[in-house]
Amino acid sequence: MHTVIPSGTSAEARLLRQVSSLAHRSARRLTDRDTADDLAQEVVLDCLGRLRTGRWHIHATLEAF
């Protein structure tokens, strides 16, 4: 199992930017731009919640998450 846990605010921000980019690209393949923006925002908020509650686990790669 590969787990990525950022240490510090700047590391958290970098990780969330990466998650946002990946989520947006993935959602964009499936739907229109506005909906993709909304989906990416939901994914980032979910990840932020997981990070801050200690429930952040990635079992394969960030892209798979």
N, C-alpha and C. Protein backbone atom coordinates (compact mmCIF):
# COMPACT_ATOMS: atom_id res chain seq x y z
N MET A 1 0.85 -1.18 0.00
CA MET A 1 0.00 0.00 0.00
C MET A 1 0.89 1.24 0.00
N HIS A 2 0.58 2.16 -0.88
CA HIS A 2 1.31 3.42 -0.98
C HIS A 2 0.44 4.52 -0.37
N THR A 3 0.95 5.18 0.64
CA THR A 3 0.19 6.23 1.29
C THR A 3 0.97 7.53 1.19
N VAL A 4 0.28 8.57 0.72
CA VAL A 4 0.88 9.89 0.62
C VAL A 4 0.23 10.77 1.67
N ILE A 5 1.03 11.24 2.63
CA ILE A 5 0.51 12.13 3.66
C ILE A 5 1.39 13.37 3.67
N PRO A 6 0.83 14.51 3.31
CA PRO A 6 1.64 15.72 3.27
C PRO A 6 1.99 16.19 4.68
N SER A 7 3.16 16.78 4.80
CA SER A 7 3.55 17.35 6.08
C SER A 7 3.67 18.86 5.91
N GLY A 8 2.76 19.59 6.52
CA GLY A 8 2.78 21.04 6.44
C GLY A 8 1.74 21.59 5.48
N THR A 9 1.45 22.85 5.66
CA THR A 9 0.41 23.52 4.88
C THR A 9 0.76 23.60 3.41
N SER A 10 2.00 23.92 3.08
CA SER A 10 2.36 24.06 1.66
C SER A 10 2.32 22.70 0.96
N ALA A 11 2.72 21.64 1.64
CA ALA A 11 2.65 20.30 1.06
C ALA A 11 1.19 19.91 0.83
N GLU A 12 0.33 20.25 1.78
CA GLU A 12 -1.10 19.98 1.63
C GLU A 12 -1.67 20.74 0.44
N ALA A 13 -1.31 21.98 0.30
CA ALA A 13 -1.80 22.80 -0.82
C ALA A 13 -1.33 22.22 -2.15
N ARG A 14 -0.07 21.79 -2.23
CA ARG A 14 0.45 21.20 -3.48
C ARG A 14 -0.32 19.92 -3.82
N LEU A 15 -0.55 19.09 -2.82
CA LEU A 15 -1.27 17.84 -3.05
C LEU A 15 -2.70 18.12 -3.51
N LEU A 16 -3.36 19.08 -2.89
CA LEU A 16 -4.73 19.41 -3.28
C LEU A 16 -4.79 20.01 -4.68
N ARG A 17 -3.79 20.78 -5.07
CA ARG A 17 -3.74 21.30 -6.45
C ARG A 17 -3.59 20.15 -7.44
N GLN A 18 -2.76 19.17 -7.08
CA GLN A 18 -2.56 18.01 -7.95
C GLN A 18 -3.87 17.21 -8.05
N VAL A 19 -4.52 17.00 -6.92
CA VAL A 19 -5.80 16.28 -6.91
C VAL A 19 -6.82 17.03 -7.77
N SER A 20 -6.88 18.35 -7.62
CA SER A 20 -7.82 19.16 -8.39
C SER A 20 -7.58 19.01 -9.89
N SER A 21 -6.34 19.07 -10.29
CA SER A 21 -6.01 18.95 -11.70
C SER A 21 -6.41 17.57 -12.24
N LEU A 22 -6.06 16.53 -11.52
CA LEU A 22 -6.41 15.18 -11.95
C LEU A 22 -7.92 14.98 -11.99
N ALA A 23 -8.61 15.46 -10.97
CA ALA A 23 -10.07 15.30 -10.91
C ALA A 23 -10.73 16.05 -12.05
N HIS A 24 -10.25 17.25 -12.33
CA HIS A 24 -10.84 18.05 -13.40
C HIS A 24 -10.64 17.39 -14.76
N ARG A 25 -9.42 16.91 -15.01
CA ARG A 25 -9.16 16.24 -16.29
C ARG A 25 -10.03 15.00 -16.46
N SER A 26 -10.16 14.22 -15.39
CA SER A 26 -10.99 13.01 -15.46
C SER A 26 -12.45 13.36 -15.68
N ALA A 27 -12.96 14.32 -14.92
CA ALA A 27 -14.37 14.71 -15.06
C ALA A 27 -14.64 15.31 -16.42
N ARG A 28 -13.68 16.03 -16.96
CA ARG A 28 -13.85 16.70 -18.26
C ARG A 28 -14.05 15.69 -19.39
N ARG A 29 -13.49 14.48 -19.20
CA ARG A 29 -13.67 13.43 -20.20
C ARG A 29 -15.10 12.91 -20.21
N LEU A 30 -15.80 13.09 -19.10
CA LEU A 30 -17.12 12.50 -18.94
C LEU A 30 -18.27 13.49 -19.09
N THR A 31 -18.00 14.78 -18.91
CA THR A 31 -19.10 15.74 -18.85
C THR A 31 -18.66 17.12 -19.32
N ASP A 32 -19.56 18.07 -19.26
CA ASP A 32 -19.25 19.43 -19.71
C ASP A 32 -18.38 20.17 -18.68
N ARG A 33 -17.89 21.32 -19.08
CA ARG A 33 -16.93 22.07 -18.27
C ARG A 33 -17.48 22.47 -16.90
N ASP A 34 -18.68 23.01 -16.85
CA ASP A 34 -19.25 23.45 -15.57
C ASP A 34 -19.42 22.29 -14.60
N THR A 35 -19.93 21.18 -15.10
CA THR A 35 -20.11 20.01 -14.25
C THR A 35 -18.77 19.45 -13.81
N ALA A 36 -17.79 19.47 -14.71
CA ALA A 36 -16.44 19.01 -14.37
C ALA A 36 -15.85 19.87 -13.26
N ASP A 37 -16.06 21.18 -13.33
CA ASP A 37 -15.58 22.07 -12.27
C ASP A 37 -16.21 21.70 -10.93
N ASP A 38 -17.52 21.45 -10.94
CA ASP A 38 -18.23 21.09 -9.71
C ASP A 38 -17.73 19.76 -9.15
N LEU A 39 -17.56 18.78 -10.03
CA LEU A 39 -17.07 17.46 -9.59
C LEU A 39 -15.66 17.55 -9.01
N ALA A 40 -14.80 18.30 -9.68
CA ALA A 40 -13.42 18.45 -9.19
C ALA A 40 -13.42 19.12 -7.82
N GLN A 41 -14.27 20.12 -7.64
CA GLN A 41 -14.34 20.79 -6.34
C GLN A 41 -14.80 19.81 -5.26
N GLU A 42 -15.76 18.97 -5.57
CA GLU A 42 -16.25 17.97 -4.60
C GLU A 42 -15.14 16.98 -4.23
N VAL A 43 -14.36 16.57 -5.21
CA VAL A 43 -13.25 15.64 -4.95
C VAL A 43 -12.21 16.30 -4.05
N VAL A 44 -11.87 17.55 -4.32
CA VAL A 44 -10.89 18.26 -3.51
C VAL A 44 -11.39 18.42 -2.07
N LEU A 45 -12.65 18.76 -1.91
CA LEU A 45 -13.21 18.90 -0.57
C LEU A 45 -13.20 17.56 0.17
N ASP A 46 -13.52 16.49 -0.53
CA ASP A 46 -13.47 15.16 0.08
C ASP A 46 -12.04 14.83 0.52
N CYS A 47 -11.08 15.09 -0.34
CA CYS A 47 -9.68 14.82 -0.01
C CYS A 47 -9.21 15.67 1.16
N LEU A 48 -9.60 16.93 1.19
CA LEU A 48 -9.22 17.80 2.30
C LEU A 48 -9.78 17.26 3.61
N GLY A 49 -11.03 16.85 3.59
CA GLY A 49 -11.63 16.26 4.78
C GLY A 49 -10.89 15.01 5.23
N ARG A 50 -10.52 14.17 4.26
CA ARG A 50 -9.79 12.94 4.58
C ARG A 50 -8.41 13.26 5.16
N LEU A 51 -7.74 14.24 4.57
CA LEU A 51 -6.43 14.63 5.07
C LEU A 51 -6.50 15.09 6.52
N ARG A 52 -7.44 15.94 6.79
CA ARG A 52 -7.52 16.58 8.11
C ARG A 52 -8.11 15.68 9.20
N THR A 53 -8.71 14.56 8.80
CA THR A 53 -9.25 13.63 9.79
C THR A 53 -8.43 12.34 9.87
N GLY A 54 -7.32 12.30 9.13
CA GLY A 54 -6.45 11.13 9.18
C GLY A 54 -6.97 9.93 8.41
N ARG A 55 -7.89 10.16 7.49
CA ARG A 55 -8.45 9.06 6.70
C ARG A 55 -7.91 9.05 5.27
N TRP A 56 -6.76 9.64 5.03
CA TRP A 56 -6.18 9.74 3.69
C TRP A 56 -5.34 8.50 3.42
N HIS A 57 -5.79 7.65 2.52
CA HIS A 57 -5.05 6.47 2.13
C HIS A 57 -5.22 6.26 0.64
N ILE A 58 -4.12 6.05 -0.03
CA ILE A 58 -4.14 5.76 -1.46
C ILE A 58 -3.52 4.38 -1.61
N HIS A 59 -4.28 3.46 -2.15
CA HIS A 59 -3.83 2.09 -2.25
C HIS A 59 -3.05 1.79 -3.52
N ALA A 60 -3.10 2.64 -4.50
CA ALA A 60 -2.37 2.40 -5.75
C ALA A 60 -1.62 3.67 -6.13
N THR A 61 -2.29 4.54 -6.87
CA THR A 61 -1.68 5.81 -7.28
C THR A 61 -2.67 6.92 -7.03
N LEU A 62 -2.20 8.14 -7.07
CA LEU A 62 -3.07 9.29 -6.89
C LEU A 62 -4.12 9.33 -7.99
N GLU A 63 -3.74 8.99 -9.20
CA GLU A 63 -4.68 8.97 -10.32
C GLU A 63 -5.79 7.95 -10.08
N ALA A 64 -5.46 6.81 -9.51
CA ALA A 64 -6.47 5.78 -9.24
C ALA A 64 -7.44 6.24 -8.16
N PHE A 65 -6.95 7.02 -7.22
CA PHE A 65 -7.80 7.52 -6.15
C PHE A 65 -8.89 8.39 -6.72
